[in-house]
Amino acid sequence: MQQMFSPRHLFTTIPLAMLGFALPGAGFADELNLPVGVTDISRDIYDLHMLILWVCVAIGVIVFGAMAISIVAHRRSRGYKAKQFHDNLTLEIVWTIIPFIVLVALAAPSTVVLLRMYDTGGEDLTIEVRGYQWKWQYKYLDDDRNETVSFFSSLATPRDEISNQSVKGQYYLLEVDKPLVIPTDRKVRFLVTAEDVIHAWWVPDFGIKRDAVPGHLNDMWTIVEEPGVYRGQCTELCGKDHGFMPIVVNAVPPDEFNTWYGEQLELADARKAALSKTFSEEELMVEGERVYNAFCVSCHLPTGAGIPPIYPSLIGTSVVTGPRDEHLKLVIDGVPGTSMQSFANQLDAAQLAAVVHYERHAWGNNAGDVTQPRDVIALSE
């Protein structure tokens, strides 16, 4: 959407242009500056940032310019002697009033932008964003259809790239297995929270970021005008794999979003049907490997070797060779006081059955049993 010209834009663009002529290579300044973004609110934030920046530059030029002139023109070598005085009431009043006026003048546009940033009412779609170590869960809260679409979004960068065994891709550590999908030209409200530790959901192009705090809901909103793929990251130090927690948002036209949403509802129905299905061992291994790579690999590694003693090995240990129900309980309930979290709210019965079967029969393990969704359901009752 084309922005209308305003004096504020004149104030922010002309000094930048002058700086570009004055400094060789100043075009690279855009790479270091705050990104403009793709939403109205992100552009407002950028304009406010530039306004305050140039006010600070002007103040710096005046203050340090006066200091430089005084130091050079009134130096001792020219015969000047410093005046001796203890206080100057007029000067103290002036240097108190002028900063006060500047702060009040900047407070007005800042307040306008802040009020817009926190105006989350009138939304067309509400999405719950829940942080886990180290992935995001997205839940579409659709009251009209009385249905809920929910899924996890995990890092999709190949482990070979992370371990420097292959060339890193264009979106290294910024790619996920399932992106968040939102419609363009619609007000989307995000309810942000966390399950375990504090995370932070941040997409620079949207100009929005909120902390995800366990037991607390923060909200924010966005309206994306142009279709595209927008990337972000968790910006709160949330554990050893903090850097492996990217965010990918795919903004699509409303019609395309409705089609995608209908497909997700069908997938949700298929997942429910899978809870009563009897899977073959091959199917369990395939699904189990997928679940393991999405939820377990960050701690126990692709080889199952783990990082003892914090992240134990799953190769030939008592967990994977012992009673199956004990193994299931460990995955479902977790281990309080350790890094082994509960997966009861993250995986359904079919996924839990598959990943436990996979762990008991991968990497040379051969427990000789088969785990089905009904086993998980029976254990949970």
Protein backbone atom coordinates (compact mmCIF):
# COMPACT_ATOMS: atom_id res chain seq x y z
CA MET A 1 0.00 0.00 0.00
CA GLN A 2 1.39 3.38 -1.02
CA GLN A 3 2.00 5.69 1.93
CA MET A 4 0.81 9.28 1.73
CA PHE A 5 3.50 11.94 1.90
CA SER A 6 3.71 13.86 5.16
CA PRO A 7 6.09 16.41 6.74
CA ARG A 8 7.21 13.64 9.09
CA HIS A 9 8.48 11.65 6.10
CA LEU A 10 10.23 14.75 4.80
CA PHE A 11 11.94 15.13 8.16
CA THR A 12 13.15 11.53 8.15
CA THR A 13 14.14 11.09 4.50
CA ILE A 14 15.96 14.35 3.67
CA PRO A 15 18.61 13.99 6.44
CA LEU A 16 19.20 10.40 5.33
CA ALA A 17 19.69 11.53 1.75
CA MET A 18 22.13 14.23 2.89
CA LEU A 19 23.99 11.64 4.93
CA GLY A 20 24.19 9.39 1.88
CA PHE A 21 25.96 12.13 -0.11
CA ALA A 22 28.22 13.04 2.79
CA LEU A 23 29.47 9.57 3.68
CA PRO A 24 30.86 7.06 1.14
CA GLY A 25 29.04 3.77 1.37
CA ALA A 26 26.24 5.23 3.49
CA GLY A 27 23.78 3.08 1.53
CA PHE A 28 24.80 0.26 3.84
CA ALA A 29 23.23 2.19 6.73
CA ASP A 30 19.87 0.58 5.90
CA GLU A 31 21.34 -2.80 6.87
CA LEU A 32 22.16 -1.46 10.34
CA ASN A 33 19.04 0.62 10.88
CA LEU A 34 15.65 -0.44 12.21
CA PRO A 35 13.77 -2.25 9.38
CA VAL A 36 10.81 -0.39 7.91
CA GLY A 37 8.52 -3.44 7.95
CA VAL A 38 5.44 -4.35 5.93
CA THR A 39 2.61 -3.18 8.19
CA ASP A 40 1.24 0.26 9.05
CA ILE A 41 2.25 -0.09 12.68
CA SER A 42 5.82 -1.11 11.74
CA ARG A 43 6.10 1.95 9.49
CA ASP A 44 4.78 4.18 12.29
CA ILE A 45 7.40 2.72 14.62
CA TYR A 46 10.11 3.34 12.03
CA ASP A 47 9.02 6.97 11.50
CA LEU A 48 8.94 7.54 15.25
CA HIS A 49 12.40 5.99 15.56
CA MET A 50 13.80 8.26 12.83
CA LEU A 51 12.13 11.35 14.30
CA ILE A 52 13.68 10.73 17.73
CA LEU A 53 17.02 9.80 16.16
CA TRP A 54 17.31 13.09 14.29
CA VAL A 55 16.16 15.11 17.30
CA CYS A 56 18.99 13.45 19.24
CA VAL A 57 21.40 14.19 16.39
CA ALA A 58 20.36 17.86 16.40
CA ILE A 59 20.81 18.10 20.16
CA GLY A 60 24.22 16.44 19.87
CA VAL A 61 25.32 18.83 17.14
CA ILE A 62 24.24 21.88 19.18
CA VAL A 63 25.76 20.70 22.48
CA PHE A 64 29.03 19.31 21.15
CA GLY A 65 29.29 22.14 18.60
CA ALA A 66 29.05 24.72 21.38
CA MET A 67 31.62 22.80 23.41
CA ALA A 68 34.01 22.59 20.44
CA ILE A 69 33.70 26.32 19.67
CA SER A 70 34.25 27.22 23.29
CA ILE A 71 37.27 24.94 23.66
CA VAL A 72 38.94 26.15 20.45
CA ALA A 73 38.07 29.85 20.50
CA HIS A 74 38.61 30.41 24.22
CA ARG A 75 41.68 28.30 24.87
CA ARG A 76 44.39 29.41 27.29
CA SER A 77 46.99 29.84 24.51
CA ARG A 78 44.91 32.74 23.20
CA GLY A 79 44.98 34.47 26.54
CA TYR A 80 41.50 33.57 27.75
CA LYS A 81 40.92 32.85 31.43
CA ALA A 82 38.03 30.78 32.69
CA LYS A 83 35.39 32.70 34.61
CA GLN A 84 34.79 31.62 38.18
CA PHE A 85 31.19 31.24 39.37
CA HIS A 86 29.30 28.82 41.59
CA ASP A 87 25.77 28.92 40.20
CA ASN A 88 23.64 30.60 37.56
CA LEU A 89 19.91 30.43 38.21
CA THR A 90 18.97 31.54 34.69
CA LEU A 91 21.18 28.87 33.10
CA GLU A 92 19.79 26.15 35.38
CA ILE A 93 16.22 27.13 34.52
CA VAL A 94 17.01 27.11 30.79
CA TRP A 95 18.70 23.71 30.76
CA THR A 96 15.77 22.28 32.73
CA ILE A 97 12.95 23.80 30.64
CA ILE A 98 14.41 23.01 27.19
CA PRO A 99 14.81 19.23 27.79
CA PHE A 100 11.33 19.20 29.37
CA ILE A 101 9.85 20.79 26.23
CA VAL A 102 11.73 18.34 23.99
CA LEU A 103 10.48 15.33 26.01
CA VAL A 104 6.88 16.57 26.00
CA ALA A 105 7.06 17.20 22.24
CA LEU A 106 8.33 13.64 21.66
CA ALA A 107 5.80 12.14 24.07
CA ALA A 108 2.85 13.16 21.87
CA PRO A 109 3.73 11.09 18.75
CA SER A 110 5.09 8.28 20.96
CA THR A 111 1.77 8.01 22.81
CA VAL A 112 -0.18 7.88 19.56
CA VAL A 113 1.96 4.99 18.28
CA LEU A 114 1.81 3.11 21.60
CA LEU A 115 -1.97 3.39 21.76
CA ARG A 116 -2.21 1.94 18.25
CA MET A 117 0.21 -0.88 19.12
CA TYR A 118 -1.94 -1.99 22.05
CA ASP A 119 -5.33 -1.59 20.33
CA THR A 120 -6.07 -5.30 19.89
CA GLY A 121 -9.86 -4.95 19.58
CA GLY A 122 -11.89 -5.57 16.44
CA GLU A 123 -9.85 -8.58 15.35
CA ASP A 124 -10.90 -10.85 12.48
CA LEU A 125 -8.90 -13.84 13.71
CA THR A 126 -7.37 -14.84 17.04
CA ILE A 127 -4.38 -17.17 17.31
CA GLU A 128 -2.85 -18.50 20.51
CA VAL A 129 0.95 -18.64 20.37
CA ARG A 130 2.50 -20.91 23.00
CA GLY A 131 6.24 -21.31 23.44
CA TYR A 132 7.88 -24.62 24.33
CA GLN A 133 11.53 -25.62 24.61
CA TRP A 134 12.23 -25.27 21.69
CA LYS A 135 9.26 -24.94 19.37
CA TRP A 136 6.05 -22.94 18.92
CA GLN A 137 2.48 -24.15 19.13
CA TYR A 138 -0.18 -22.26 17.15
CA LYS A 139 -3.86 -22.66 17.96
CA TYR A 140 -6.55 -20.93 15.87
CA LEU A 141 -9.40 -19.87 18.13
CA ASP A 142 -12.30 -19.91 15.69
CA ASP A 143 -15.58 -19.33 17.51
CA ASP A 144 -17.66 -19.16 14.30
CA ARG A 145 -16.86 -22.71 13.17
CA ASN A 146 -16.61 -24.13 16.68
CA GLU A 147 -13.47 -25.92 15.56
CA THR A 148 -9.85 -25.56 16.58
CA VAL A 149 -6.81 -25.97 14.35
CA SER A 150 -3.64 -26.55 16.35
CA PHE A 151 -0.14 -27.59 15.38
CA PHE A 152 3.52 -27.28 16.38
CA SER A 153 6.12 -25.45 14.33
CA SER A 154 9.69 -26.72 14.75
CA LEU A 155 13.07 -25.98 13.25
CA ALA A 156 13.50 -27.58 9.81
CA THR A 157 17.17 -26.77 9.15
CA PRO A 158 18.95 -30.10 8.47
CA ARG A 159 21.23 -31.29 11.25
CA ASP A 160 24.04 -31.68 8.69
CA GLU A 161 24.05 -27.90 8.25
CA ILE A 162 24.03 -27.28 12.00
CA SER A 163 26.98 -29.64 12.50
CA ASN A 164 28.85 -28.01 9.56
CA GLN A 165 28.80 -31.21 7.54
CA SER A 166 27.06 -29.53 4.60
CA VAL A 167 26.71 -26.04 3.14
CA LYS A 168 24.32 -23.82 5.05
CA GLY A 169 21.16 -22.86 3.18
CA GLN A 170 19.76 -19.40 2.52
CA TYR A 171 17.43 -19.55 5.52
CA TYR A 172 19.77 -21.29 7.93
CA LEU A 173 18.03 -21.57 11.35
CA LEU A 174 15.11 -19.56 9.95
CA GLU A 175 13.05 -22.39 8.44
CA VAL A 176 10.35 -24.53 10.02
CA ASP A 177 8.50 -27.71 9.19
CA LYS A 178 5.08 -26.02 9.41
CA PRO A 179 4.73 -22.22 9.18
CA LEU A 180 1.99 -20.13 10.72
CA VAL A 181 -0.53 -19.11 8.03
CA ILE A 182 -2.56 -15.89 8.29
CA PRO A 183 -4.81 -14.01 5.84
CA THR A 184 -3.77 -10.69 4.35
CA ASP A 185 -5.80 -7.51 4.93
CA ARG A 186 -7.30 -8.99 8.10
CA LYS A 187 -6.65 -7.95 11.70
CA VAL A 188 -5.02 -10.93 13.42
CA ARG A 189 -4.75 -10.92 17.20
CA PHE A 190 -2.10 -13.05 18.89
CA LEU A 191 -2.42 -14.33 22.46
CA VAL A 192 1.13 -15.11 23.55
CA THR A 193 2.09 -17.40 26.43
CA ALA A 194 4.53 -20.21 27.28
CA GLU A 195 4.41 -23.72 28.72
CA ASP A 196 7.80 -24.00 30.45
CA VAL A 197 10.15 -20.98 30.53
CA ILE A 198 9.98 -17.41 29.24
CA HIS A 199 10.17 -17.08 25.45
CA ALA A 200 9.50 -14.11 23.16
CA TRP A 201 7.65 -14.08 19.82
CA TRP A 202 9.14 -11.57 17.37
CA VAL A 203 8.64 -10.92 13.64
CA PRO A 204 10.66 -7.80 12.64
CA ASP A 205 8.68 -7.09 9.45
CA PHE A 206 5.48 -6.83 11.49
CA GLY A 207 6.98 -4.46 14.06
CA ILE A 208 5.64 -6.60 16.92
CA LYS A 209 7.21 -8.58 19.77
CA ARG A 210 5.80 -9.92 23.01
CA ASP A 211 7.24 -11.99 25.84
CA ALA A 212 5.72 -15.44 26.24
CA VAL A 213 5.43 -15.94 30.01
CA PRO A 214 4.11 -19.18 31.60
CA GLY A 215 0.72 -18.63 33.21
CA HIS A 216 0.27 -15.20 31.64
CA LEU A 217 -1.31 -13.98 28.39
CA ASN A 218 0.16 -11.09 26.42
CA ASP A 219 -1.58 -9.92 23.26
CA MET A 220 -0.62 -8.06 20.10
CA TRP A 221 -1.98 -7.68 16.57
CA THR A 222 -1.03 -7.19 12.97
CA ILE A 223 -2.54 -6.50 9.56
CA VAL A 224 -0.31 -7.72 6.73
CA GLU A 225 -1.13 -6.08 3.42
CA GLU A 226 1.05 -8.00 0.99
CA PRO A 227 1.27 -11.81 0.64
CA GLY A 228 4.67 -13.20 1.50
CA VAL A 229 6.80 -15.23 3.87
CA TYR A 230 8.02 -13.38 6.95
CA ARG A 231 10.58 -14.72 9.40
CA GLY A 232 11.44 -14.10 13.03
CA GLN A 233 12.93 -15.72 16.11
CA CYS A 234 12.55 -16.23 19.82
CA THR A 235 14.29 -13.25 21.43
CA GLU A 236 14.40 -14.48 25.03
CA LEU A 237 17.28 -16.66 26.19
CA CYS A 238 15.22 -19.80 26.85
CA GLY A 239 17.78 -22.60 27.04
CA LYS A 240 20.51 -24.37 25.12
CA ASP A 241 18.56 -24.46 21.85
CA HIS A 242 17.33 -20.87 22.06
CA GLY A 243 18.87 -20.18 18.63
CA PHE A 244 16.94 -23.12 17.12
CA MET A 245 13.47 -21.64 17.67
CA PRO A 246 12.58 -19.72 14.50
CA ILE A 247 9.24 -18.23 13.47
CA VAL A 248 7.91 -18.36 9.91
CA VAL A 249 4.64 -16.66 8.97
CA ASN A 250 3.06 -17.21 5.57
CA ALA A 251 0.62 -14.39 4.74
CA VAL A 252 -1.79 -15.45 1.98
CA PRO A 253 -4.94 -13.94 0.39
CA PRO A 254 -8.16 -14.63 2.35
CA ASP A 255 -9.51 -17.14 -0.19
CA GLU A 256 -6.28 -19.12 -0.07
CA PHE A 257 -6.33 -18.98 3.72
CA ASN A 258 -9.88 -20.35 3.84
CA THR A 259 -8.84 -23.25 1.60
CA TRP A 260 -5.81 -23.97 3.78
CA TYR A 261 -7.91 -23.78 6.94
CA GLY A 262 -10.41 -26.29 5.54
CA GLU A 263 -7.53 -28.66 4.78
CA GLN A 264 -6.28 -28.34 8.36
CA LEU A 265 -9.70 -29.25 9.70
CA GLU A 266 -9.65 -32.38 7.54
CA LEU A 267 -6.18 -33.24 8.85
CA ALA A 268 -7.43 -32.76 12.41
CA ASP A 269 -10.26 -35.20 11.71
CA ALA A 270 -7.75 -37.67 10.28
CA ARG A 271 -5.62 -37.35 13.42
CA LYS A 272 -8.65 -38.15 15.57
CA ALA A 273 -9.40 -41.21 13.43
CA ALA A 274 -5.79 -42.37 13.83
CA LEU A 275 -6.30 -42.74 17.57
CA SER A 276 -8.36 -45.89 17.00
CA LYS A 277 -6.19 -47.29 14.21
CA THR A 278 -3.83 -50.24 14.43
CA PHE A 279 -0.55 -49.30 12.74
CA SER A 280 1.95 -51.62 11.13
CA GLU A 281 5.48 -51.62 12.55
CA GLU A 282 6.73 -49.91 9.41
CA GLU A 283 4.16 -47.13 9.79
CA LEU A 284 5.10 -46.69 13.44
CA MET A 285 8.79 -46.39 12.57
CA VAL A 286 8.16 -43.81 9.84
CA GLU A 287 5.86 -41.66 11.99
CA GLY A 288 8.02 -42.22 15.06
CA GLU A 289 11.13 -40.97 13.28
CA ARG A 290 9.25 -37.84 12.14
CA VAL A 291 8.01 -37.11 15.67
CA TYR A 292 11.43 -37.83 17.17
CA ASN A 293 13.16 -35.43 14.77
CA ALA A 294 10.64 -32.71 15.56
CA PHE A 295 10.40 -33.09 19.35
CA CYS A 296 13.29 -35.15 20.73
CA VAL A 297 16.35 -34.68 18.55
CA SER A 298 17.51 -31.41 20.13
CA CYS A 299 18.30 -33.21 23.41
CA HIS A 300 18.92 -36.85 22.45
CA LEU A 301 20.57 -36.12 19.05
CA PRO A 302 19.72 -37.80 15.71
CA THR A 303 21.81 -40.83 16.70
CA GLY A 304 19.99 -41.30 20.02
CA ALA A 305 23.34 -40.94 21.84
CA GLY A 306 22.23 -37.88 23.84
CA ILE A 307 24.64 -35.72 25.81
CA PRO A 308 25.11 -37.61 29.10
CA PRO A 309 24.50 -37.02 31.94
CA ILE A 310 22.06 -34.17 31.25
CA TYR A 311 20.52 -35.72 28.12
CA PRO A 312 20.87 -39.51 28.49
CA SER A 313 21.53 -41.92 25.67
CA LEU A 314 18.64 -43.95 24.25
CA ILE A 315 20.87 -46.70 22.90
CA GLY A 316 20.55 -49.95 24.82
CA THR A 317 19.62 -48.23 28.10
CA SER A 318 17.15 -49.49 30.69
CA VAL A 319 14.53 -47.03 29.47
CA VAL A 320 14.30 -48.42 25.94
CA THR A 321 14.89 -52.05 26.87
CA GLY A 322 12.77 -52.13 30.03
CA PRO A 323 8.98 -52.30 30.44
CA ARG A 324 7.17 -50.47 27.68
CA ASP A 325 4.60 -48.85 29.97
CA GLU A 326 7.38 -47.32 32.07
CA HIS A 327 8.87 -45.87 28.89
CA LEU A 328 5.48 -44.47 27.89
CA LYS A 329 4.93 -42.90 31.32
CA LEU A 330 8.32 -41.24 31.13
CA VAL A 331 7.49 -39.61 27.79
CA ILE A 332 3.94 -38.69 28.78
CA ASP A 333 4.64 -37.29 32.27
CA GLY A 334 8.26 -36.19 31.98
CA VAL A 335 10.64 -36.11 34.93
CA PRO A 336 10.10 -33.20 37.35
CA GLY A 337 13.26 -31.28 38.16
CA THR A 338 15.04 -32.39 34.99
CA SER A 339 15.17 -31.32 31.35
CA MET A 340 12.81 -34.17 30.43
CA GLN A 341 9.53 -32.34 29.88
CA SER A 342 6.05 -33.80 29.68
CA PHE A 343 4.75 -34.43 26.16
CA ALA A 344 1.16 -35.13 27.22
CA ASN A 345 0.01 -31.75 25.87
CA GLN A 346 2.28 -31.78 22.84
CA LEU A 347 1.62 -35.17 21.22
CA ASP A 348 -1.55 -37.18 20.74
CA ALA A 349 -1.84 -40.90 21.49
CA ALA A 350 -0.85 -41.96 17.95
CA GLN A 351 2.26 -39.76 17.98
CA LEU A 352 3.26 -40.91 21.46
CA ALA A 353 2.87 -44.55 20.46
CA ALA A 354 4.93 -44.02 17.30
CA VAL A 355 7.83 -42.19 18.94
CA VAL A 356 8.10 -44.70 21.80
CA HIS A 357 8.03 -47.60 19.31
CA TYR A 358 10.71 -45.85 17.26
CA GLU A 359 12.98 -45.27 20.26
CA ARG A 360 12.66 -48.92 21.29
CA HIS A 361 13.57 -50.21 17.81
CA ALA A 362 16.01 -47.63 16.33
CA TRP A 363 19.83 -47.39 16.54
CA GLY A 364 20.18 -51.14 17.07
CA ASN A 365 17.57 -51.32 19.84
CA ASN A 366 15.19 -54.27 19.59
CA ALA A 367 12.69 -54.33 22.45
CA GLY A 368 10.55 -56.85 20.56
CA ASP A 369 7.21 -55.17 21.33
CA VAL A 370 4.74 -53.02 19.44
CA THR A 371 3.14 -49.84 20.82
CA GLN A 372 -0.27 -48.77 19.52
CA PRO A 373 -2.40 -45.66 20.28
CA ARG A 374 -4.80 -47.77 22.33
CA ASP A 375 -1.91 -48.63 24.67
CA VAL A 376 -1.30 -44.96 25.33
CA ILE A 377 -5.00 -44.28 25.86
CA ALA A 378 -5.31 -47.21 28.29
CA LEU A 379 -2.30 -45.98 30.26
CA SER A 380 -3.74 -42.48 30.50
CA GLU A 381 -7.15 -43.56 31.81
